[in-house]
Amino acid sequence: MGFRRRERGERGAAAVEFALVVPLLLMLVFGIIQYGYILSFRQALSQGAAEGARAAAVAPSSLTTAQKQTAATNAVQQALGSYGVTCGTAVMTCAVTLIPCPQATGKTCAQVALTYDYDARPLMPKVPLVPVPGSLTYTAVAEVS
């Protein structure tokens, strides 16, 4: 079991093959990392919207609509704090509304809709030739008690 001596024309072939494959491999690896981070942030948006809807839903009934909306917005901001994004900026919109519940007549629901403009401020540098969503959106609804 010995090594075969390379022919004169085969010298450097491995280096050329390596040079051709490495850029594709790096794009694949960094694309996977980028999508992992995007999915993590999407999950944080989901959690933030759910926390906002929950905060508005469990707020005391004596609070005004504006106070419930403020409580929901504060809960969203706290849930998304680790990503450094805040509601009401050019890249992050948070809409908190009290609407009639779609599944129960006569009841009120809190709807929290979050939208993050990923094109305007990507959370990490974009990898060339790897398509990413332009914006991330999530909506949560909870029945107000």
N, C-alpha and C. Protein backbone atom coordinates (compact mmCIF):
# COMPACT_ATOMS: atom_id res chain seq x y z
N MET A 1 0.84 -1.16 0.00
CA MET A 1 0.00 0.00 0.00
C MET A 1 0.89 1.23 0.00
N GLY A 2 1.35 1.59 -1.11
CA GLY A 2 2.23 2.74 -1.23
C GLY A 2 1.54 3.87 -1.97
N PHE A 3 2.20 4.99 -1.96
CA PHE A 3 1.67 6.13 -2.68
C PHE A 3 2.21 6.12 -4.09
N ARG A 4 1.33 6.39 -4.99
CA ARG A 4 1.72 6.42 -6.39
C ARG A 4 2.38 7.76 -6.67
N ARG A 5 3.43 7.72 -7.39
CA ARG A 5 4.13 8.95 -7.74
C ARG A 5 3.31 9.70 -8.79
N ARG A 6 3.15 10.99 -8.57
CA ARG A 6 2.35 11.80 -9.49
C ARG A 6 3.08 12.00 -10.81
N GLU A 7 2.29 11.99 -11.82
CA GLU A 7 2.83 12.29 -13.15
C GLU A 7 3.18 13.77 -13.21
N ARG A 8 3.98 14.13 -14.13
CA ARG A 8 4.42 15.51 -14.26
C ARG A 8 3.24 16.46 -14.53
N GLY A 9 2.26 16.05 -15.28
CA GLY A 9 1.11 16.89 -15.62
C GLY A 9 0.08 16.99 -14.49
N GLU A 10 0.19 16.16 -13.45
CA GLU A 10 -0.78 16.17 -12.36
C GLU A 10 -0.34 17.02 -11.18
N ARG A 11 0.86 17.52 -11.20
CA ARG A 11 1.34 18.33 -10.08
C ARG A 11 0.52 19.61 -9.96
N GLY A 12 0.09 19.91 -8.75
CA GLY A 12 -0.70 21.12 -8.50
C GLY A 12 -2.19 20.96 -8.76
N ALA A 13 -2.62 19.79 -9.22
CA ALA A 13 -4.04 19.59 -9.51
C ALA A 13 -4.88 19.70 -8.24
N ALA A 14 -4.38 19.19 -7.13
CA ALA A 14 -5.12 19.27 -5.87
C ALA A 14 -5.29 20.72 -5.42
N ALA A 15 -4.26 21.53 -5.61
CA ALA A 15 -4.34 22.94 -5.22
C ALA A 15 -5.37 23.67 -6.08
N VAL A 16 -5.42 23.37 -7.35
CA VAL A 16 -6.40 24.01 -8.24
C VAL A 16 -7.81 23.57 -7.85
N GLU A 17 -8.00 22.29 -7.60
CA GLU A 17 -9.32 21.79 -7.19
C GLU A 17 -9.74 22.43 -5.87
N PHE A 18 -8.81 22.55 -4.93
CA PHE A 18 -9.10 23.17 -3.65
C PHE A 18 -9.51 24.63 -3.84
N ALA A 19 -8.80 25.34 -4.70
CA ALA A 19 -9.11 26.75 -4.96
C ALA A 19 -10.48 26.91 -5.60
N LEU A 20 -10.92 25.93 -6.36
CA LEU A 20 -12.24 26.01 -6.99
C LEU A 20 -13.37 25.67 -6.02
N VAL A 21 -13.11 24.77 -5.09
CA VAL A 21 -14.15 24.29 -4.19
C VAL A 21 -14.31 25.17 -2.94
N VAL A 22 -13.22 25.75 -2.43
CA VAL A 22 -13.28 26.50 -1.17
C VAL A 22 -14.27 27.67 -1.21
N PRO A 23 -14.32 28.51 -2.24
CA PRO A 23 -15.30 29.60 -2.22
C PRO A 23 -16.74 29.10 -2.11
N LEU A 24 -17.06 28.04 -2.81
CA LEU A 24 -18.41 27.48 -2.73
C LEU A 24 -18.69 26.93 -1.34
N LEU A 25 -17.72 26.25 -0.78
CA LEU A 25 -17.88 25.69 0.55
C LEU A 25 -18.04 26.80 1.60
N LEU A 26 -17.25 27.86 1.49
CA LEU A 26 -17.37 28.97 2.43
C LEU A 26 -18.72 29.67 2.30
N MET A 27 -19.20 29.87 1.07
CA MET A 27 -20.53 30.47 0.89
C MET A 27 -21.60 29.60 1.52
N LEU A 28 -21.47 28.30 1.38
CA LEU A 28 -22.44 27.38 1.97
C LEU A 28 -22.41 27.47 3.49
N VAL A 29 -21.23 27.43 4.08
CA VAL A 29 -21.10 27.48 5.54
C VAL A 29 -21.62 28.80 6.08
N PHE A 30 -21.19 29.93 5.50
CA PHE A 30 -21.64 31.22 6.00
C PHE A 30 -23.12 31.45 5.70
N GLY A 31 -23.64 30.89 4.63
CA GLY A 31 -25.08 30.96 4.35
C GLY A 31 -25.88 30.22 5.40
N ILE A 32 -25.39 29.06 5.82
CA ILE A 32 -26.06 28.31 6.89
C ILE A 32 -26.04 29.10 8.19
N ILE A 33 -24.92 29.72 8.50
CA ILE A 33 -24.82 30.54 9.72
C ILE A 33 -25.79 31.72 9.63
N GLN A 34 -25.84 32.37 8.48
CA GLN A 34 -26.72 33.52 8.31
C GLN A 34 -28.19 33.12 8.47
N TYR A 35 -28.59 32.03 7.82
CA TYR A 35 -29.97 31.59 7.95
C TYR A 35 -30.29 31.15 9.37
N GLY A 36 -29.33 30.56 10.06
CA GLY A 36 -29.54 30.19 11.46
C GLY A 36 -29.81 31.42 12.31
N TYR A 37 -29.07 32.48 12.07
CA TYR A 37 -29.26 33.72 12.82
C TYR A 37 -30.60 34.36 12.47
N ILE A 38 -30.98 34.32 11.19
CA ILE A 38 -32.27 34.88 10.78
C ILE A 38 -33.41 34.09 11.43
N LEU A 39 -33.31 32.77 11.46
CA LEU A 39 -34.35 31.96 12.09
C LEU A 39 -34.41 32.22 13.59
N SER A 40 -33.25 32.42 14.21
CA SER A 40 -33.22 32.75 15.63
C SER A 40 -33.93 34.08 15.89
N PHE A 41 -33.66 35.07 15.05
CA PHE A 41 -34.31 36.37 15.21
C PHE A 41 -35.81 36.27 14.93
N ARG A 42 -36.18 35.46 13.96
CA ARG A 42 -37.61 35.25 13.65
C ARG A 42 -38.32 34.65 14.86
N GLN A 43 -37.65 33.73 15.54
CA GLN A 43 -38.21 33.15 16.76
C GLN A 43 -38.33 34.21 17.85
N ALA A 44 -37.35 35.10 17.94
CA ALA A 44 -37.42 36.20 18.91
C ALA A 44 -38.58 37.13 18.59
N LEU A 45 -38.83 37.40 17.30
CA LEU A 45 -40.00 38.20 16.91
C LEU A 45 -41.28 37.51 17.36
N SER A 46 -41.35 36.22 17.15
CA SER A 46 -42.51 35.44 17.57
C SER A 46 -42.72 35.56 19.07
N GLN A 47 -41.64 35.39 19.82
CA GLN A 47 -41.72 35.49 21.28
C GLN A 47 -42.10 36.90 21.71
N GLY A 48 -41.53 37.90 21.06
CA GLY A 48 -41.84 39.29 21.40
C GLY A 48 -43.30 39.63 21.15
N ALA A 49 -43.83 39.18 20.01
CA ALA A 49 -45.24 39.44 19.70
C ALA A 49 -46.15 38.72 20.69
N ALA A 50 -45.80 37.49 21.04
CA ALA A 50 -46.61 36.74 22.00
C ALA A 50 -46.57 37.40 23.38
N GLU A 51 -45.39 37.87 23.78
CA GLU A 51 -45.27 38.55 25.08
C GLU A 51 -46.06 39.85 25.09
N GLY A 52 -46.03 40.57 23.98
CA GLY A 52 -46.80 41.81 23.89
C GLY A 52 -48.30 41.56 23.96
N ALA A 53 -48.77 40.55 23.24
CA ALA A 53 -50.19 40.21 23.27
C ALA A 53 -50.60 39.74 24.67
N ARG A 54 -49.74 38.96 25.31
CA ARG A 54 -50.02 38.48 26.66
C ARG A 54 -50.09 39.65 27.64
N ALA A 55 -49.14 40.60 27.52
CA ALA A 55 -49.13 41.75 28.43
C ALA A 55 -50.41 42.57 28.29
N ALA A 56 -50.89 42.76 27.08
CA ALA A 56 -52.13 43.50 26.88
C ALA A 56 -53.33 42.70 27.37
N ALA A 57 -53.26 41.38 27.21
CA ALA A 57 -54.39 40.53 27.60
C ALA A 57 -54.56 40.44 29.11
N VAL A 58 -53.46 40.41 29.85
CA VAL A 58 -53.56 40.25 31.30
C VAL A 58 -53.52 41.58 32.05
N ALA A 59 -53.45 42.68 31.32
CA ALA A 59 -53.47 44.00 31.97
C ALA A 59 -54.82 44.18 32.67
N PRO A 60 -54.83 44.86 33.80
CA PRO A 60 -56.10 45.08 34.51
C PRO A 60 -57.13 45.77 33.61
N SER A 61 -58.38 45.38 33.77
CA SER A 61 -59.43 45.94 32.91
C SER A 61 -59.65 47.43 33.16
N SER A 62 -59.15 47.93 34.28
CA SER A 62 -59.31 49.36 34.58
C SER A 62 -58.40 50.24 33.73
N LEU A 63 -57.40 49.64 33.07
CA LEU A 63 -56.49 50.42 32.23
C LEU A 63 -57.18 50.84 30.94
N THR A 64 -56.74 51.98 30.42
CA THR A 64 -57.27 52.45 29.14
C THR A 64 -56.62 51.66 28.00
N THR A 65 -57.18 51.82 26.82
CA THR A 65 -56.61 51.15 25.65
C THR A 65 -55.17 51.59 25.42
N ALA A 66 -54.90 52.88 25.57
CA ALA A 66 -53.53 53.38 25.38
C ALA A 66 -52.57 52.78 26.40
N GLN A 67 -53.02 52.61 27.64
CA GLN A 67 -52.15 52.01 28.66
C GLN A 67 -51.87 50.54 28.36
N LYS A 68 -52.87 49.83 27.86
CA LYS A 68 -52.67 48.43 27.48
C LYS A 68 -51.70 48.33 26.30
N GLN A 69 -51.82 49.25 25.35
CA GLN A 69 -50.91 49.27 24.22
C GLN A 69 -49.48 49.57 24.67
N THR A 70 -49.33 50.47 25.62
CA THR A 70 -48.01 50.78 26.17
C THR A 70 -47.42 49.57 26.88
N ALA A 71 -48.25 48.87 27.66
CA ALA A 71 -47.77 47.66 28.35
C ALA A 71 -47.31 46.61 27.34
N ALA A 72 -48.07 46.47 26.26
CA ALA A 72 -47.69 45.50 25.23
C ALA A 72 -46.39 45.90 24.54
N THR A 73 -46.26 47.17 24.21
CA THR A 73 -45.03 47.65 23.56
C THR A 73 -43.82 47.47 24.46
N ASN A 74 -43.98 47.75 25.75
CA ASN A 74 -42.87 47.55 26.69
C ASN A 74 -42.47 46.09 26.78
N ALA A 75 -43.45 45.19 26.75
CA ALA A 75 -43.14 43.75 26.79
C ALA A 75 -42.40 43.31 25.53
N VAL A 76 -42.79 43.85 24.39
CA VAL A 76 -42.10 43.54 23.13
C VAL A 76 -40.66 44.03 23.20
N GLN A 77 -40.47 45.26 23.66
CA GLN A 77 -39.12 45.83 23.73
C GLN A 77 -38.23 45.00 24.66
N GLN A 78 -38.80 44.54 25.77
CA GLN A 78 -38.02 43.74 26.70
C GLN A 78 -37.65 42.39 26.08
N ALA A 79 -38.58 41.79 25.34
CA ALA A 79 -38.31 40.49 24.72
C ALA A 79 -37.26 40.59 23.62
N LEU A 80 -37.20 41.72 22.92
CA LEU A 80 -36.26 41.88 21.81
C LEU A 80 -35.00 42.65 22.19
N GLY A 81 -34.85 42.96 23.45
CA GLY A 81 -33.73 43.78 23.91
C GLY A 81 -32.37 43.20 23.58
N SER A 82 -32.24 41.89 23.61
CA SER A 82 -30.92 41.29 23.37
C SER A 82 -30.46 41.46 21.92
N TYR A 83 -31.38 41.76 21.01
CA TYR A 83 -31.00 41.97 19.61
C TYR A 83 -30.72 43.44 19.30
N GLY A 84 -30.96 44.31 20.25
CA GLY A 84 -30.67 45.72 20.04
C GLY A 84 -31.63 46.43 19.12
N VAL A 85 -32.85 45.94 19.00
CA VAL A 85 -33.86 46.60 18.17
C VAL A 85 -34.95 47.16 19.07
N THR A 86 -35.51 48.28 18.68
CA THR A 86 -36.57 48.90 19.45
C THR A 86 -37.74 49.25 18.53
N CYS A 87 -38.91 49.25 19.11
CA CYS A 87 -40.12 49.60 18.36
C CYS A 87 -40.10 51.07 17.99
N GLY A 88 -40.75 51.36 16.87
CA GLY A 88 -40.90 52.75 16.46
C GLY A 88 -39.71 53.33 15.72
N THR A 89 -38.77 52.50 15.33
CA THR A 89 -37.64 52.98 14.55
C THR A 89 -37.94 52.76 13.07
N ALA A 90 -37.04 53.21 12.23
CA ALA A 90 -37.24 53.06 10.78
C ALA A 90 -37.22 51.59 10.36
N VAL A 91 -36.53 50.75 11.11
CA VAL A 91 -36.41 49.34 10.70
C VAL A 91 -37.36 48.42 11.45
N MET A 92 -37.92 48.86 12.58
CA MET A 92 -38.78 47.99 13.39
C MET A 92 -40.09 48.69 13.71
N THR A 93 -41.18 48.12 13.23
CA THR A 93 -42.50 48.68 13.55
C THR A 93 -43.25 47.70 14.44
N CYS A 94 -43.92 48.24 15.42
CA CYS A 94 -44.73 47.45 16.36
C CYS A 94 -46.12 48.06 16.38
N ALA A 95 -47.10 47.30 15.95
CA ALA A 95 -48.48 47.78 15.95
C ALA A 95 -49.28 46.96 16.96
N VAL A 96 -49.79 47.64 17.98
CA VAL A 96 -50.61 46.99 19.01
C VAL A 96 -52.02 47.56 18.89
N THR A 97 -52.99 46.68 18.61
CA THR A 97 -54.37 47.12 18.46
C THR A 97 -55.28 46.19 19.24
N LEU A 98 -56.38 46.74 19.73
CA LEU A 98 -57.43 45.94 20.36
C LEU A 98 -58.53 45.78 19.32
N ILE A 99 -58.82 44.54 18.99
CA ILE A 99 -59.77 44.23 17.92
C ILE A 99 -60.83 43.26 18.44
N PRO A 100 -61.97 43.15 17.74
CA PRO A 100 -62.91 42.10 18.11
C PRO A 100 -62.27 40.73 17.81
N CYS A 101 -62.43 39.80 18.73
CA CYS A 101 -61.83 38.47 18.55
C CYS A 101 -62.46 37.78 17.34
N PRO A 102 -61.63 37.24 16.46
CA PRO A 102 -62.17 36.57 15.28
C PRO A 102 -62.93 35.29 15.61
N GLN A 103 -62.57 34.59 16.69
CA GLN A 103 -63.17 33.30 16.98
C GLN A 103 -64.27 33.39 18.04
N ALA A 104 -64.39 34.51 18.74
CA ALA A 104 -65.39 34.63 19.81
C ALA A 104 -66.10 35.97 19.69
N THR A 105 -67.41 35.92 19.46
CA THR A 105 -68.16 37.17 19.32
C THR A 105 -68.32 37.85 20.68
N GLY A 106 -68.26 39.16 20.64
CA GLY A 106 -68.45 39.93 21.85
C GLY A 106 -67.21 40.05 22.72
N LYS A 107 -66.12 39.46 22.34
CA LYS A 107 -64.89 39.53 23.13
C LYS A 107 -63.87 40.40 22.40
N THR A 108 -62.93 40.92 23.17
CA THR A 108 -61.88 41.77 22.62
C THR A 108 -60.55 41.02 22.65
N CYS A 109 -59.78 41.20 21.60
CA CYS A 109 -58.45 40.58 21.51
C CYS A 109 -57.39 41.65 21.31
N ALA A 110 -56.22 41.36 21.82
CA ALA A 110 -55.06 42.23 21.58
C ALA A 110 -54.27 41.62 20.43
N GLN A 111 -54.01 42.42 19.42
CA GLN A 111 -53.23 41.96 18.27
C GLN A 111 -51.93 42.74 18.23
N VAL A 112 -50.82 42.02 18.20
CA VAL A 112 -49.50 42.64 18.13
C VAL A 112 -48.84 42.20 16.83
N ALA A 113 -48.52 43.15 15.97
CA ALA A 113 -47.88 42.87 14.68
C ALA A 113 -46.50 43.52 14.67
N LEU A 114 -45.47 42.71 14.48
CA LEU A 114 -44.09 43.20 14.44
C LEU A 114 -43.53 43.02 13.04
N THR A 115 -42.85 44.03 12.54
CA THR A 115 -42.20 43.95 11.23
C THR A 115 -40.79 44.52 11.34
N TYR A 116 -39.82 43.74 10.88
CA TYR A 116 -38.42 44.18 10.89
C TYR A 116 -37.94 44.25 9.45
N ASP A 117 -37.43 45.40 9.04
CA ASP A 117 -36.92 45.60 7.69
C ASP A 117 -35.48 45.10 7.62
N TYR A 118 -35.32 43.86 7.18
CA TYR A 118 -33.99 43.23 7.16
C TYR A 118 -33.09 43.83 6.09
N ASP A 119 -33.68 44.32 5.00
CA ASP A 119 -32.87 44.95 3.95
C ASP A 119 -32.22 46.24 4.46
N ALA A 120 -32.96 47.01 5.25
CA ALA A 120 -32.44 48.29 5.74
C ALA A 120 -31.34 48.10 6.78
N ARG A 121 -31.48 47.10 7.63
CA ARG A 121 -30.47 46.86 8.67
C ARG A 121 -30.33 45.37 8.93
N PRO A 122 -29.50 44.69 8.14
CA PRO A 122 -29.28 43.27 8.39
C PRO A 122 -28.59 43.07 9.73
N LEU A 123 -28.93 42.00 10.41
CA LEU A 123 -28.36 41.73 11.73
C LEU A 123 -26.92 41.26 11.64
N MET A 124 -26.53 40.76 10.50
CA MET A 124 -25.14 40.38 10.26
C MET A 124 -24.86 40.62 8.78
N PRO A 125 -23.59 40.75 8.39
CA PRO A 125 -23.29 41.01 6.97
C PRO A 125 -23.89 39.94 6.06
N LYS A 126 -24.41 40.39 4.94
CA LYS A 126 -25.01 39.45 3.99
C LYS A 126 -23.93 38.69 3.24
N VAL A 127 -24.22 37.43 2.98
CA VAL A 127 -23.32 36.58 2.21
C VAL A 127 -23.69 36.73 0.74
N PRO A 128 -22.71 37.00 -0.14
CA PRO A 128 -23.03 37.15 -1.56
C PRO A 128 -23.70 35.90 -2.13
N LEU A 129 -24.65 36.11 -3.00
CA LEU A 129 -25.37 35.06 -3.72
C LEU A 129 -26.25 34.20 -2.83
N VAL A 130 -26.46 34.59 -1.57
CA VAL A 130 -27.36 33.86 -0.68
C VAL A 130 -28.59 34.74 -0.47
N PRO A 131 -29.74 34.33 -1.00
CA PRO A 131 -30.93 35.18 -0.87
C PRO A 131 -31.45 35.18 0.57
N VAL A 132 -31.80 36.36 1.05
CA VAL A 132 -32.38 36.50 2.39
C VAL A 132 -33.69 37.28 2.28
N PRO A 133 -34.60 37.11 3.22
CA PRO A 133 -35.87 37.84 3.15
C PRO A 133 -35.65 39.34 3.33
N GLY A 134 -36.48 40.13 2.67
CA GLY A 134 -36.38 41.58 2.78
C GLY A 134 -36.89 42.10 4.11
N SER A 135 -37.91 41.43 4.65
CA SER A 135 -38.44 41.82 5.95
C SER A 135 -38.94 40.59 6.68
N LEU A 136 -38.97 40.69 8.00
CA LEU A 136 -39.47 39.61 8.85
C LEU A 136 -40.69 40.14 9.58
N THR A 137 -41.78 39.38 9.56
CA THR A 137 -43.04 39.82 10.15
C THR A 137 -43.63 38.72 11.01
N TYR A 138 -44.23 39.11 12.11
CA TYR A 138 -44.95 38.15 12.94
C TYR A 138 -46.11 38.86 13.62
N THR A 139 -47.24 38.16 13.73
CA THR A 139 -48.43 38.70 14.38
C THR A 139 -48.92 37.71 15.42
N ALA A 140 -49.27 38.21 16.61
CA ALA A 140 -49.82 37.37 17.67
C ALA A 140 -51.13 38.00 18.15
N VAL A 141 -52.08 37.15 18.51
CA VAL A 141 -53.38 37.61 19.00
C VAL A 141 -53.69 36.88 20.30
N ALA A 142 -54.17 37.63 21.30
CA ALA A 142 -54.56 37.04 22.58
C ALA A 142 -55.86 37.69 23.05
N GLU A 143 -56.72 36.89 23.63
CA GLU A 143 -57.99 37.39 24.14
C GLU A 143 -57.77 38.20 25.42
N VAL A 144 -58.35 39.39 25.46
CA VAL A 144 -58.20 40.26 26.62
C VAL A 144 -59.20 39.83 27.68
N SER A 145 -58.70 39.66 28.90
CA SER A 145 -59.59 39.21 29.98
C SER A 145 -60.32 40.37 30.62
